Amino acid sequence: MHHVPRLFHAISSKLGVYLSVETHHVVIIANPRAGGGRARDVAIAAQNTLSTSGCDVTLHLPTTREQLHKVTAQVCQTRPTIVLACGGDGTVHDVLQFTIESNTALGIIPCGTGNDIARSLGLPGKTNQKFFQKLAYSIHHHDFESIDASQITVEGKQQWSLGVISAGLDSDVNERANRMTHFRGTTRYILALLAELRVFPLHNYTVTIDSTKRTGSAILIAIGNGGQYGGGMNICPQADMTDGMLDITWVDPAPRRTVLRLFPLIYSGRHVNSPLVHTYRGSEISIESPDSMIYADGERIGPTPALIQVVPKVARVLLFREQMSRRNSFHRPRESRS
């Protein structure tokens, strides 16, 4: 019997995947409309590779958000090895609500318009055969990591978020972008941004960060567990999903021309060097504004007031082995600007 593991490793090297004596129950929940309809084919390809590797794979293709919620809740009750969310940040956000509550491991197959949560976790952006093989390998090796999540309370209801929570211009842009049907990803976000800048509404905020209160007008306020949103905009460049803190970016009011010059810098994170941008860190943040909407992971949460609290290491996620190594060895210096 001691030759069995050696045999499986030999077969693994031939197939480019990892075969295990242990059977893992893997559930894929895919949004078939994500990525312009590409998610369906991606999910089927992932299912085929994972099945070949020895996983017991079930694929669900819910056609409505309500159906996705129902299916995910039922799936998590069966205690699978892992639930894979196949789609964009919205799909990950919806699946997360149930995996956290059931302590089920969450994996991401990124094929949406933004994929910012996957990018913040350092996952590869291309969902090709190599990606699926790494996915199988990581599942068989139990490459799970516990990371932080934000708990948002709005109108007495709680939701979880892995990425960026926003209010102000970004929420207004999201409202408009979600109504657009002819463009995807960064292009859709930028077009919606340009349209909103013609109106350019400002909101007055009272924000409390760990009992320290700040009031005033802002173009936008972003609270990051992860650092990116809007299809690669690095709005909270020092955010770390494992440090037990949230990063806050506050952008002061400015003329439209100045804002247009500032926004391209967000992709590299250099916007934080602008005197218009203030950064803070905290574990509990409340936002109050008479006319502002809260978004999280690109999804509409509801109107302020909102309470946002970081819960350390509450979410179990699947990472590829090289991503885990980078996260463990990479340290970023911290600073707070006001």
C-alpha atoms as a PDB file:
ATOM      1  CA  MET A   1       0.000   0.000   0.000  1.00  0.00           C
ATOM      2  CA  HIS A   2       2.931   2.330   0.538  1.00  0.00           C
ATOM      3  CA  HIS A   3       3.351   2.413  -3.253  1.00  0.00           C
ATOM      4  CA  VAL A   4      -0.092   3.998  -3.806  1.00  0.00           C
ATOM      5  CA  PRO A   5       0.911   7.633  -3.084  1.00  0.00           C
ATOM      6  CA  ARG A   6       3.908   7.255  -5.406  1.00  0.00           C
ATOM      7  CA  LEU A   7       1.583   5.971  -8.149  1.00  0.00           C
ATOM      8  CA  PHE A   8      -0.766   8.915  -7.747  1.00  0.00           C
ATOM      9  CA  HIS A   9       2.138  11.377  -7.936  1.00  0.00           C
ATOM     10  CA  ALA A  10       3.332   9.683 -11.133  1.00  0.00           C
ATOM     11  CA  ILE A  11      -0.112   9.993 -12.715  1.00  0.00           C
ATOM     12  CA  SER A  12      -0.299  13.593 -11.508  1.00  0.00           C
ATOM     13  CA  SER A  13       2.868  14.570 -13.351  1.00  0.00           C
ATOM     14  CA  LYS A  14       1.498  13.074 -16.573  1.00  0.00           C
ATOM     15  CA  LEU A  15      -1.876  14.839 -16.327  1.00  0.00           C
ATOM     16  CA  GLY A  16      -0.561  18.113 -14.944  1.00  0.00           C
ATOM     17  CA  VAL A  17      -2.924  17.868 -11.954  1.00  0.00           C
ATOM     18  CA  TYR A  18      -2.811  16.359  -8.492  1.00  0.00           C
ATOM     19  CA  LEU A  19      -4.647  13.120  -7.797  1.00  0.00           C
ATOM     20  CA  SER A  20      -5.462  12.145  -4.241  1.00  0.00           C
ATOM     21  CA  VAL A  21      -6.791   9.061  -2.520  1.00  0.00           C
ATOM     22  CA  GLU A  22      -9.040  11.410  -0.556  1.00  0.00           C
ATOM     23  CA  THR A  23     -12.201  12.533  -2.357  1.00  0.00           C
ATOM     24  CA  HIS A  24     -13.071  16.209  -2.074  1.00  0.00           C
ATOM     25  CA  HIS A  25     -16.636  17.411  -2.538  1.00  0.00           C
ATOM     26  CA  VAL A  26     -16.354  20.561  -4.621  1.00  0.00           C
ATOM     27  CA  VAL A  27     -19.332  22.743  -5.518  1.00  0.00           C
ATOM     28  CA  ILE A  28     -19.105  25.335  -8.284  1.00  0.00           C
ATOM     29  CA  ILE A  29     -21.706  28.102  -8.231  1.00  0.00           C
ATOM     30  CA  ALA A  30     -21.473  30.104 -11.433  1.00  0.00           C
ATOM     31  CA  ASN A  31     -23.300  33.207 -12.559  1.00  0.00           C
ATOM     32  CA  PRO A  32     -23.933  32.277 -16.205  1.00  0.00           C
ATOM     33  CA  ARG A  33     -24.272  35.956 -17.173  1.00  0.00           C
ATOM     34  CA  ALA A  34     -20.917  37.003 -15.698  1.00  0.00           C
ATOM     35  CA  GLY A  35     -18.143  38.009 -18.043  1.00  0.00           C
ATOM     36  CA  GLY A  36     -20.577  38.578 -20.887  1.00  0.00           C
ATOM     37  CA  GLY A  37     -21.804  34.985 -20.600  1.00  0.00           C
ATOM     38  CA  ARG A  38     -18.317  33.475 -20.470  1.00  0.00           C
ATOM     39  CA  ALA A  39     -18.699  32.165 -16.906  1.00  0.00           C
ATOM     40  CA  ARG A  40     -20.790  29.195 -17.985  1.00  0.00           C
ATOM     41  CA  ASP A  41     -18.075  27.783 -20.246  1.00  0.00           C
ATOM     42  CA  VAL A  42     -15.382  28.582 -17.687  1.00  0.00           C
ATOM     43  CA  ALA A  43     -17.298  26.747 -14.978  1.00  0.00           C
ATOM     44  CA  ILE A  44     -17.757  23.672 -17.171  1.00  0.00           C
ATOM     45  CA  ALA A  45     -14.044  23.639 -18.028  1.00  0.00           C
ATOM     46  CA  ALA A  46     -13.176  23.915 -14.330  1.00  0.00           C
ATOM     47  CA  GLN A  47     -15.580  21.090 -13.531  1.00  0.00           C
ATOM     48  CA  ASN A  48     -13.936  18.822 -16.107  1.00  0.00           C
ATOM     49  CA  THR A  49     -10.398  19.420 -14.814  1.00  0.00           C
ATOM     50  CA  LEU A  50     -11.381  19.045 -11.156  1.00  0.00           C
ATOM     51  CA  SER A  51     -13.277  15.840 -11.903  1.00  0.00           C
ATOM     52  CA  THR A  52     -10.242  14.455 -13.742  1.00  0.00           C
ATOM     53  CA  SER A  53      -8.127  15.223 -10.668  1.00  0.00           C
ATOM     54  CA  GLY A  54     -10.378  13.055  -8.500  1.00  0.00           C
ATOM     55  CA  CYS A  55     -12.734  15.642  -7.031  1.00  0.00           C
ATOM     56  CA  ASP A  56     -16.455  14.996  -6.713  1.00  0.00           C
ATOM     57  CA  VAL A  57     -17.771  18.131  -8.458  1.00  0.00           C
ATOM     58  CA  THR A  58     -21.280  19.559  -8.551  1.00  0.00           C
ATOM     59  CA  LEU A  59     -22.013  22.538 -10.804  1.00  0.00           C
ATOM     60  CA  HIS A  60     -24.885  24.961 -10.267  1.00  0.00           C
ATOM     61  CA  LEU A  61     -25.872  27.627 -12.807  1.00  0.00           C
ATOM     62  CA  PRO A  62     -28.546  29.729 -11.068  1.00  0.00           C
ATOM     63  CA  THR A  63     -30.343  32.119 -13.409  1.00  0.00           C
ATOM     64  CA  THR A  64     -31.355  34.727 -10.809  1.00  0.00           C
ATOM     65  CA  ARG A  65     -29.680  36.261  -7.788  1.00  0.00           C
ATOM     66  CA  GLU A  66     -32.443  34.907  -5.556  1.00  0.00           C
ATOM     67  CA  GLN A  67     -31.832  31.407  -6.901  1.00  0.00           C
ATOM     68  CA  LEU A  68     -28.095  31.802  -6.316  1.00  0.00           C
ATOM     69  CA  HIS A  69     -28.767  32.699  -2.669  1.00  0.00           C
ATOM     70  CA  LYS A  70     -31.072  29.710  -2.210  1.00  0.00           C
ATOM     71  CA  VAL A  71     -28.690  27.237  -3.868  1.00  0.00           C
ATOM     72  CA  THR A  72     -25.665  28.500  -1.938  1.00  0.00           C
ATOM     73  CA  ALA A  73     -27.491  28.265   1.394  1.00  0.00           C
ATOM     74  CA  GLN A  74     -28.518  24.687   0.633  1.00  0.00           C
ATOM     75  CA  VAL A  75     -25.050  23.716  -0.576  1.00  0.00           C
ATOM     76  CA  CYS A  76     -23.308  25.067   2.540  1.00  0.00           C
ATOM     77  CA  GLN A  77     -25.569  22.911   4.728  1.00  0.00           C
ATOM     78  CA  THR A  78     -24.088  19.798   3.067  1.00  0.00           C
ATOM     79  CA  ARG A  79     -20.589  20.727   4.348  1.00  0.00           C
ATOM     80  CA  PRO A  80     -18.623  20.489   1.083  1.00  0.00           C
ATOM     81  CA  THR A  81     -14.844  20.699   1.023  1.00  0.00           C
ATOM     82  CA  ILE A  82     -15.111  24.004  -0.798  1.00  0.00           C
ATOM     83  CA  VAL A  83     -17.560  26.210  -2.673  1.00  0.00           C
ATOM     84  CA  LEU A  84     -16.124  27.874  -5.778  1.00  0.00           C
ATOM     85  CA  ALA A  85     -17.705  31.171  -6.846  1.00  0.00           C
ATOM     86  CA  CYS A  86     -17.389  31.482 -10.629  1.00  0.00           C
ATOM     87  CA  GLY A  87     -18.079  35.009 -11.783  1.00  0.00           C
ATOM     88  CA  GLY A  88     -17.201  38.538 -10.790  1.00  0.00           C
ATOM     89  CA  ASP A  89     -17.037  40.367  -7.480  1.00  0.00           C
ATOM     90  CA  GLY A  90     -20.828  40.352  -7.168  1.00  0.00           C
ATOM     91  CA  THR A  91     -20.931  36.566  -7.370  1.00  0.00           C
ATOM     92  CA  VAL A  92     -18.129  36.267  -4.809  1.00  0.00           C
ATOM     93  CA  HIS A  93     -19.965  38.721  -2.542  1.00  0.00           C
ATOM     94  CA  ASP A  94     -23.209  36.727  -2.703  1.00  0.00           C
ATOM     95  CA  VAL A  95     -21.564  33.342  -2.093  1.00  0.00           C
ATOM     96  CA  LEU A  96     -19.479  34.784   0.749  1.00  0.00           C
ATOM     97  CA  GLN A  97     -22.590  35.584   2.790  1.00  0.00           C
ATOM     98  CA  PHE A  98     -23.231  31.859   3.218  1.00  0.00           C
ATOM     99  CA  THR A  99     -19.707  30.419   3.330  1.00  0.00           C
ATOM    100  CA  ILE A 100     -18.732  32.628   6.263  1.00  0.00           C
ATOM    101  CA  GLU A 101     -21.823  31.766   8.282  1.00  0.00           C
ATOM    102  CA  SER A 102     -21.260  28.024   7.742  1.00  0.00           C
ATOM    103  CA  ASN A 103     -17.435  28.156   8.017  1.00  0.00           C
ATOM    104  CA  THR A 104     -17.190  26.717   4.508  1.00  0.00           C
ATOM    105  CA  ALA A 105     -14.064  27.302   2.460  1.00  0.00           C
ATOM    106  CA  LEU A 106     -14.497  29.732  -0.445  1.00  0.00           C
ATOM    107  CA  GLY A 107     -12.612  29.612  -3.720  1.00  0.00           C
ATOM    108  CA  ILE A 108     -12.765  32.061  -6.602  1.00  0.00           C
ATOM    109  CA  ILE A 109     -12.791  31.400 -10.335  1.00  0.00           C
ATOM    110  CA  PRO A 110     -12.563  34.994 -11.621  1.00  0.00           C
ATOM    111  CA  CYS A 111     -14.462  35.658 -14.839  1.00  0.00           C
ATOM    112  CA  GLY A 112     -16.472  38.813 -14.205  1.00  0.00           C
ATOM    113  CA  THR A 113     -16.022  42.382 -15.351  1.00  0.00           C
ATOM    114  CA  GLY A 114     -13.846  43.559 -12.463  1.00  0.00           C
ATOM    115  CA  ASN A 115     -12.440  40.583 -10.514  1.00  0.00           C
ATOM    116  CA  ASP A 116     -11.020  42.953  -7.916  1.00  0.00           C
ATOM    117  CA  ILE A 117     -11.355  40.579  -4.968  1.00  0.00           C
ATOM    118  CA  ALA A 118      -9.409  37.883  -6.799  1.00  0.00           C
ATOM    119  CA  ARG A 119      -6.814  40.464  -7.801  1.00  0.00           C
ATOM    120  CA  SER A 120      -6.481  41.684  -4.190  1.00  0.00           C
ATOM    121  CA  LEU A 121      -5.847  38.079  -3.159  1.00  0.00           C
ATOM    122  CA  GLY A 122      -3.135  37.758  -5.795  1.00  0.00           C
ATOM    123  CA  LEU A 123      -4.954  35.121  -7.852  1.00  0.00           C
ATOM    124  CA  PRO A 124      -4.091  34.803 -11.557  1.00  0.00           C
ATOM    125  CA  GLY A 125      -6.433  36.696 -13.864  1.00  0.00           C
ATOM    126  CA  LYS A 126      -6.552  34.190 -16.719  1.00  0.00           C
ATOM    127  CA  THR A 127      -8.947  31.284 -16.202  1.00  0.00           C
ATOM    128  CA  ASN A 128      -7.255  28.823 -18.532  1.00  0.00           C
ATOM    129  CA  GLN A 129      -6.242  25.176 -18.212  1.00  0.00           C
ATOM    130  CA  LYS A 130      -3.170  26.096 -16.178  1.00  0.00           C
ATOM    131  CA  PHE A 131      -5.414  27.963 -13.738  1.00  0.00           C
ATOM    132  CA  PHE A 132      -7.718  24.950 -13.354  1.00  0.00           C
ATOM    133  CA  GLN A 133      -4.752  22.639 -12.749  1.00  0.00           C
ATOM    134  CA  LYS A 134      -3.446  24.933 -10.001  1.00  0.00           C
ATOM    135  CA  LEU A 135      -6.959  25.042  -8.581  1.00  0.00           C
ATOM    136  CA  ALA A 136      -7.078  21.243  -8.373  1.00  0.00           C
ATOM    137  CA  TYR A 137      -3.607  21.092  -6.829  1.00  0.00           C
ATOM    138  CA  SER A 138      -4.499  23.649  -4.168  1.00  0.00           C
ATOM    139  CA  ILE A 139      -7.740  21.876  -3.252  1.00  0.00           C
ATOM    140  CA  HIS A 140      -5.980  18.533  -2.841  1.00  0.00           C
ATOM    141  CA  HIS A 141      -3.263  20.179  -0.734  1.00  0.00           C
ATOM    142  CA  HIS A 142      -5.781  22.069   1.423  1.00  0.00           C
ATOM    143  CA  ASP A 143      -4.212  25.439   0.608  1.00  0.00           C
ATOM    144  CA  PHE A 144      -6.713  27.380   2.691  1.00  0.00           C
ATOM    145  CA  GLU A 145      -5.980  30.628   4.494  1.00  0.00           C
ATOM    146  CA  SER A 146      -8.137  32.456   7.038  1.00  0.00           C
ATOM    147  CA  ILE A 147      -8.491  36.116   6.126  1.00  0.00           C
ATOM    148  CA  ASP A 148     -10.354  39.133   7.481  1.00  0.00           C
ATOM    149  CA  ALA A 149     -13.757  40.302   6.315  1.00  0.00           C
ATOM    150  CA  SER A 150     -15.783  43.456   6.856  1.00  0.00           C
ATOM    151  CA  GLN A 151     -19.154  43.166   8.535  1.00  0.00           C
ATOM    152  CA  ILE A 152     -21.532  45.897   7.391  1.00  0.00           C
ATOM    153  CA  THR A 153     -24.672  46.837   9.297  1.00  0.00           C
ATOM    154  CA  VAL A 154     -27.212  48.923   7.370  1.00  0.00           C
ATOM    155  CA  GLU A 155     -30.876  49.290   8.273  1.00  0.00           C
ATOM    156  CA  GLY A 156     -30.508  46.611  10.926  1.00  0.00           C
ATOM    157  CA  LYS A 157     -29.225  44.013   8.463  1.00  0.00           C
ATOM    158  CA  GLN A 158     -25.697  42.625   8.279  1.00  0.00           C
ATOM    159  CA  GLN A 159     -23.655  41.729   5.222  1.00  0.00           C
ATOM    160  CA  TRP A 160     -20.074  40.596   4.702  1.00  0.00           C
ATOM    161  CA  SER A 161     -17.499  42.071   2.332  1.00  0.00           C
ATOM    162  CA  LEU A 162     -13.996  41.005   1.316  1.00  0.00           C
ATOM    163  CA  GLY A 163     -13.161  43.969  -0.880  1.00  0.00           C
ATOM    164  CA  VAL A 164     -13.858  47.707  -0.856  1.00  0.00           C
ATOM    165  CA  ILE A 165     -16.837  49.477   0.703  1.00  0.00           C
ATOM    166  CA  SER A 166     -17.551  52.901  -0.732  1.00  0.00           C
ATOM    167  CA  ALA A 167     -19.729  55.976  -0.483  1.00  0.00           C
ATOM    168  CA  GLY A 168     -19.906  59.156  -2.536  1.00  0.00           C
ATOM    169  CA  LEU A 169     -18.865  59.506  -6.149  1.00  0.00           C
ATOM    170  CA  ASP A 170     -17.901  55.867  -6.489  1.00  0.00           C
ATOM    171  CA  SER A 171     -21.320  54.720  -5.308  1.00  0.00           C
ATOM    172  CA  ASP A 172     -22.957  57.136  -7.731  1.00  0.00           C
ATOM    173  CA  VAL A 173     -20.751  55.757 -10.505  1.00  0.00           C
ATOM    174  CA  ASN A 174     -21.701  52.197  -9.556  1.00  0.00           C
ATOM    175  CA  GLU A 175     -25.377  53.112  -9.674  1.00  0.00           C
ATOM    176  CA  ARG A 176     -24.922  54.402 -13.209  1.00  0.00           C
ATOM    177  CA  ALA A 177     -22.552  51.614 -14.325  1.00  0.00           C
ATOM    178  CA  ASN A 178     -25.002  48.938 -13.202  1.00  0.00           C
ATOM    179  CA  ARG A 179     -27.578  50.447 -15.544  1.00  0.00           C
ATOM    180  CA  MET A 180     -25.190  50.274 -18.510  1.00  0.00           C
ATOM    181  CA  THR A 181     -25.418  47.170 -20.702  1.00  0.00           C
ATOM    182  CA  HIS A 182     -23.110  47.849 -23.658  1.00  0.00           C
ATOM    183  CA  PHE A 183     -19.713  47.940 -21.943  1.00  0.00           C
ATOM    184  CA  ARG A 184     -17.750  45.843 -19.462  1.00  0.00           C
ATOM    185  CA  GLY A 185     -15.139  46.200 -16.738  1.00  0.00           C
ATOM    186  CA  THR A 186     -12.914  49.246 -16.619  1.00  0.00           C
ATOM    187  CA  THR A 187     -14.447  50.783 -19.757  1.00  0.00           C
ATOM    188  CA  ARG A 188     -17.929  50.736 -18.251  1.00  0.00           C
ATOM    189  CA  TYR A 189     -16.655  52.212 -14.982  1.00  0.00           C
ATOM    190  CA  ILE A 190     -14.769  55.055 -16.678  1.00  0.00           C
ATOM    191  CA  LEU A 191     -17.729  55.963 -18.908  1.00  0.00           C
ATOM    192  CA  ALA A 192     -20.005  56.018 -15.879  1.00  0.00           C
ATOM    193  CA  LEU A 193     -17.446  58.155 -14.014  1.00  0.00           C
ATOM    194  CA  LEU A 194     -17.284  60.704 -16.821  1.00  0.00           C
ATOM    195  CA  ALA A 195     -21.073  60.889 -16.904  1.00  0.00           C
ATOM    196  CA  GLU A 196     -21.276  61.417 -13.130  1.00  0.00           C
ATOM    197  CA  LEU A 197     -18.636  64.153 -13.246  1.00  0.00           C
ATOM    198  CA  ARG A 198     -21.049  66.258 -15.286  1.00  0.00           C
ATOM    199  CA  VAL A 199     -23.380  66.226 -12.293  1.00  0.00           C
ATOM    200  CA  PHE A 200     -20.616  65.961  -9.698  1.00  0.00           C
ATOM    201  CA  PRO A 201     -22.648  65.681  -6.482  1.00  0.00           C
ATOM    202  CA  LEU A 202     -20.881  66.256  -3.163  1.00  0.00           C
ATOM    203  CA  HIS A 203     -21.982  64.631   0.082  1.00  0.00           C
ATOM    204  CA  ASN A 204     -21.487  65.755   3.667  1.00  0.00           C
ATOM    205  CA  TYR A 205     -20.256  63.036   6.007  1.00  0.00           C
ATOM    206  CA  THR A 206     -19.745  62.275   9.636  1.00  0.00           C
ATOM    207  CA  VAL A 207     -17.264  59.432   9.844  1.00  0.00           C
ATOM    208  CA  THR A 208     -16.154  57.896  13.129  1.00  0.00           C
ATOM    209  CA  ILE A 209     -13.000  55.769  13.087  1.00  0.00           C
ATOM    210  CA  ASP A 210     -12.429  53.915  16.368  1.00  0.00           C
ATOM    211  CA  SER A 211     -14.138  56.737  18.343  1.00  0.00           C
ATOM    212  CA  THR A 212     -12.316  59.532  16.437  1.00  0.00           C
ATOM    213  CA  LYS A 213     -14.849  61.645  14.542  1.00  0.00           C
ATOM    214  CA  ARG A 214     -14.316  63.520  11.284  1.00  0.00           C
ATOM    215  CA  THR A 215     -16.934  65.648   9.516  1.00  0.00           C
ATOM    216  CA  GLY A 216     -16.939  67.403   6.163  1.00  0.00           C
ATOM    217  CA  SER A 217     -17.603  67.113   2.466  1.00  0.00           C
ATOM    218  CA  ALA A 218     -15.941  64.465   0.349  1.00  0.00           C
ATOM    219  CA  ILE A 219     -15.878  63.350  -3.251  1.00  0.00           C
ATOM    220  CA  LEU A 220     -15.667  59.769  -2.068  1.00  0.00           C
ATOM    221  CA  ILE A 221     -14.872  57.632   0.922  1.00  0.00           C
ATOM    222  CA  ALA A 222     -13.512  54.115   0.451  1.00  0.00           C
ATOM    223  CA  ILE A 223     -13.002  51.540   3.191  1.00  0.00           C
ATOM    224  CA  GLY A 224     -10.804  48.649   2.147  1.00  0.00           C
ATOM    225  CA  ASN A 225     -10.269  45.189   3.523  1.00  0.00           C
ATOM    226  CA  GLY A 226      -8.948  44.477   0.049  1.00  0.00           C
ATOM    227  CA  GLY A 227      -7.375  47.332  -1.851  1.00  0.00           C
ATOM    228  CA  GLN A 228      -8.949  47.372  -5.317  1.00  0.00           C
ATOM    229  CA  TYR A 229     -12.238  48.129  -7.000  1.00  0.00           C
ATOM    230  CA  GLY A 230     -13.594  49.418 -10.300  1.00  0.00           C
ATOM    231  CA  GLY A 231     -11.617  46.948 -12.408  1.00  0.00           C
ATOM    232  CA  GLY A 232      -8.120  47.457 -10.979  1.00  0.00           C
ATOM    233  CA  MET A 233      -8.303  50.854  -9.260  1.00  0.00           C
ATOM    234  CA  ASN A 234      -5.969  50.612  -6.267  1.00  0.00           C
ATOM    235  CA  ILE A 235      -8.002  52.899  -4.045  1.00  0.00           C
ATOM    236  CA  CYS A 236      -6.613  51.569  -0.728  1.00  0.00           C
ATOM    237  CA  PRO A 237      -3.090  50.560  -1.800  1.00  0.00           C
ATOM    238  CA  GLN A 238      -1.902  49.464   1.648  1.00  0.00           C
ATOM    239  CA  ALA A 239      -4.935  47.341   2.502  1.00  0.00           C
ATOM    240  CA  ASP A 240      -4.081  43.874   3.778  1.00  0.00           C
ATOM    241  CA  MET A 241      -6.702  41.159   4.230  1.00  0.00           C
ATOM    242  CA  THR A 242      -4.810  39.590   7.137  1.00  0.00           C
ATOM    243  CA  ASP A 243      -3.842  42.520   9.385  1.00  0.00           C
ATOM    244  CA  GLY A 244      -7.078  42.906  11.360  1.00  0.00           C
ATOM    245  CA  MET A 245      -7.528  46.502  10.182  1.00  0.00           C
ATOM    246  CA  LEU A 246      -9.439  48.434   7.542  1.00  0.00           C
ATOM    247  CA  ASP A 247      -7.862  51.138   5.384  1.00  0.00           C
ATOM    248  CA  ILE A 248      -9.845  54.318   4.752  1.00  0.00           C
ATOM    249  CA  THR A 249      -9.313  56.685   1.826  1.00  0.00           C
ATOM    250  CA  TRP A 250     -11.024  60.100   2.000  1.00  0.00           C
ATOM    251  CA  VAL A 251     -10.908  62.378  -1.066  1.00  0.00           C
ATOM    252  CA  ASP A 252     -11.632  66.078  -0.504  1.00  0.00           C
ATOM    253  CA  PRO A 253     -13.777  68.159  -2.867  1.00  0.00           C
ATOM    254  CA  ALA A 254     -11.943  69.588  -5.875  1.00  0.00           C
ATOM    255  CA  PRO A 255     -12.706  71.053  -9.320  1.00  0.00           C
ATOM    256  CA  ARG A 256     -13.666  68.566 -12.035  1.00  0.00           C
ATOM    257  CA  ARG A 257     -10.409  69.118 -13.914  1.00  0.00           C
ATOM    258  CA  THR A 258      -8.381  68.272 -10.808  1.00  0.00           C
ATOM    259  CA  VAL A 259     -10.444  65.147 -10.170  1.00  0.00           C
ATOM    260  CA  LEU A 260      -9.920  63.998 -13.761  1.00  0.00           C
ATOM    261  CA  ARG A 261      -6.152  64.304 -13.269  1.00  0.00           C
ATOM    262  CA  LEU A 262      -6.315  62.478  -9.940  1.00  0.00           C
ATOM    263  CA  PHE A 263      -8.345  59.446 -10.958  1.00  0.00           C
ATOM    264  CA  PRO A 264      -5.808  57.842 -13.347  1.00  0.00           C
ATOM    265  CA  LEU A 265      -3.324  57.801 -10.453  1.00  0.00           C
ATOM    266  CA  ILE A 266      -5.615  55.457  -8.507  1.00  0.00           C
ATOM    267  CA  TYR A 267      -4.599  52.496 -10.689  1.00  0.00           C
ATOM    268  CA  SER A 268      -1.033  52.697  -9.389  1.00  0.00           C
ATOM    269  CA  GLY A 269      -1.991  53.853  -5.899  1.00  0.00           C
ATOM    270  CA  ARG A 270      -0.123  57.152  -6.357  1.00  0.00           C
ATOM    271  CA  HIS A 271      -3.279  59.168  -5.642  1.00  0.00           C
ATOM    272  CA  VAL A 272      -2.467  58.910  -1.916  1.00  0.00           C
ATOM    273  CA  ASN A 273       0.363  61.410  -2.475  1.00  0.00           C
ATOM    274  CA  SER A 274      -2.131  64.121  -3.404  1.00  0.00           C
ATOM    275  CA  PRO A 275      -2.968  66.727  -0.719  1.00  0.00           C
ATOM    276  CA  LEU A 276      -6.630  66.053  -1.533  1.00  0.00           C
ATOM    277  CA  VAL A 277      -6.357  62.466  -0.303  1.00  0.00           C
ATOM    278  CA  HIS A 278      -6.309  61.471   3.357  1.00  0.00           C
ATOM    279  CA  THR A 279      -5.745  57.924   4.581  1.00  0.00           C
ATOM    280  CA  TYR A 280      -6.636  56.391   7.917  1.00  0.00           C
ATOM    281  CA  ARG A 281      -6.798  52.967   9.516  1.00  0.00           C
ATOM    282  CA  GLY A 282      -9.245  51.498  11.981  1.00  0.00           C
ATOM    283  CA  SER A 283     -11.199  48.443  13.020  1.00  0.00           C
ATOM    284  CA  GLU A 284     -14.638  50.022  13.397  1.00  0.00           C
ATOM    285  CA  ILE A 285     -15.988  52.766  11.149  1.00  0.00           C
ATOM    286  CA  SER A 286     -19.378  54.423  11.072  1.00  0.00           C
ATOM    287  CA  ILE A 287     -20.595  56.601   8.195  1.00  0.00           C
ATOM    288  CA  GLU A 288     -23.492  59.041   8.362  1.00  0.00           C
ATOM    289  CA  SER A 289     -24.753  61.170   5.500  1.00  0.00           C
ATOM    290  CA  PRO A 290     -28.269  62.342   4.654  1.00  0.00           C
ATOM    291  CA  ASP A 291     -28.120  61.375   0.992  1.00  0.00           C
ATOM    292  CA  SER A 292     -25.366  58.805   0.407  1.00  0.00           C
ATOM    293  CA  MET A 293     -25.556  55.155  -0.652  1.00  0.00           C
ATOM    294  CA  ILE A 294     -23.196  52.393   0.502  1.00  0.00           C
ATOM    295  CA  TYR A 295     -21.711  49.907  -1.970  1.00  0.00           C
ATOM    296  CA  ALA A 296     -19.566  46.875  -1.172  1.00  0.00           C
ATOM    297  CA  ASP A 297     -17.762  44.655  -3.674  1.00  0.00           C
ATOM    298  CA  GLY A 298     -19.638  46.560  -6.385  1.00  0.00           C
ATOM    299  CA  GLU A 299     -23.016  45.634  -4.871  1.00  0.00           C
ATOM    300  CA  ARG A 300     -25.613  48.052  -3.525  1.00  0.00           C
ATOM    301  CA  ILE A 301     -25.925  47.634   0.253  1.00  0.00           C
ATOM    302  CA  GLY A 302     -28.205  50.492   1.263  1.00  0.00           C
ATOM    303  CA  PRO A 303     -28.325  54.055   2.582  1.00  0.00           C
ATOM    304  CA  THR A 304     -26.312  55.426   5.463  1.00  0.00           C
ATOM    305  CA  PRO A 305     -25.958  55.331   8.414  1.00  0.00           C
ATOM    306  CA  ALA A 306     -23.682  52.319   8.163  1.00  0.00           C
ATOM    307  CA  LEU A 307     -21.488  50.565  10.707  1.00  0.00           C
ATOM    308  CA  ILE A 308     -18.460  48.690   9.343  1.00  0.00           C
ATOM    309  CA  GLN A 309     -16.375  46.385  11.537  1.00  0.00           C
ATOM    310  CA  VAL A 310     -13.449  44.179  10.608  1.00  0.00           C
ATOM    311  CA  VAL A 311     -13.686  40.588  11.820  1.00  0.00           C
ATOM    312  CA  PRO A 312     -10.200  39.012  11.778  1.00  0.00           C
ATOM    313  CA  LYS A 313      -9.648  35.646  10.101  1.00  0.00           C
ATOM    314  CA  VAL A 314     -13.355  34.891   9.746  1.00  0.00           C
ATOM    315  CA  ALA A 315     -13.287  33.818   6.088  1.00  0.00           C
ATOM    316  CA  ARG A 316     -11.540  30.661   4.865  1.00  0.00           C
ATOM    317  CA  VAL A 317     -10.393  31.092   1.279  1.00  0.00           C
ATOM    318  CA  LEU A 318      -8.443  28.976  -1.172  1.00  0.00           C
ATOM    319  CA  LEU A 319      -5.180  30.425  -2.442  1.00  0.00           C
ATOM    320  CA  PHE A 320      -2.644  28.966  -4.839  1.00  0.00           C
ATOM    321  CA  ARG A 321       0.606  27.857  -3.200  1.00  0.00           C
ATOM    322  CA  GLU A 322       2.679  30.666  -4.758  1.00  0.00           C
ATOM    323  CA  GLN A 323       0.147  33.298  -3.668  1.00  0.00           C
ATOM    324  CA  MET A 324       0.312  32.002  -0.099  1.00  0.00           C
ATOM    325  CA  SER A 325       4.113  32.225  -0.137  1.00  0.00           C
ATOM    326  CA  ARG A 326       4.049  35.800  -1.423  1.00  0.00           C
ATOM    327  CA  ARG A 327       1.510  36.896   1.175  1.00  0.00           C
ATOM    328  CA  ASN A 328       3.563  35.367   3.984  1.00  0.00           C
ATOM    329  CA  SER A 329       6.816  36.998   2.860  1.00  0.00           C
ATOM    330  CA  PHE A 330       5.595  40.387   1.655  1.00  0.00           C
ATOM    331  CA  HIS A 331       5.390  43.211   4.184  1.00  0.00           C
ATOM    332  CA  ARG A 332       4.321  46.753   3.392  1.00  0.00           C
ATOM    333  CA  PRO A 333       5.245  49.699   5.616  1.00  0.00           C
ATOM    334  CA  ARG A 334       2.282  51.458   7.193  1.00  0.00           C
ATOM    335  CA  GLU A 335       1.555  55.116   7.553  1.00  0.00           C
ATOM    336  CA  SER A 336      -1.523  57.233   8.171  1.00  0.00           C
ATOM    337  CA  ARG A 337      -2.003  60.612   6.532  1.00  0.00           C
ATOM    338  CA  SER A 338      -4.480  63.217   7.653  1.00  0.00           C
END
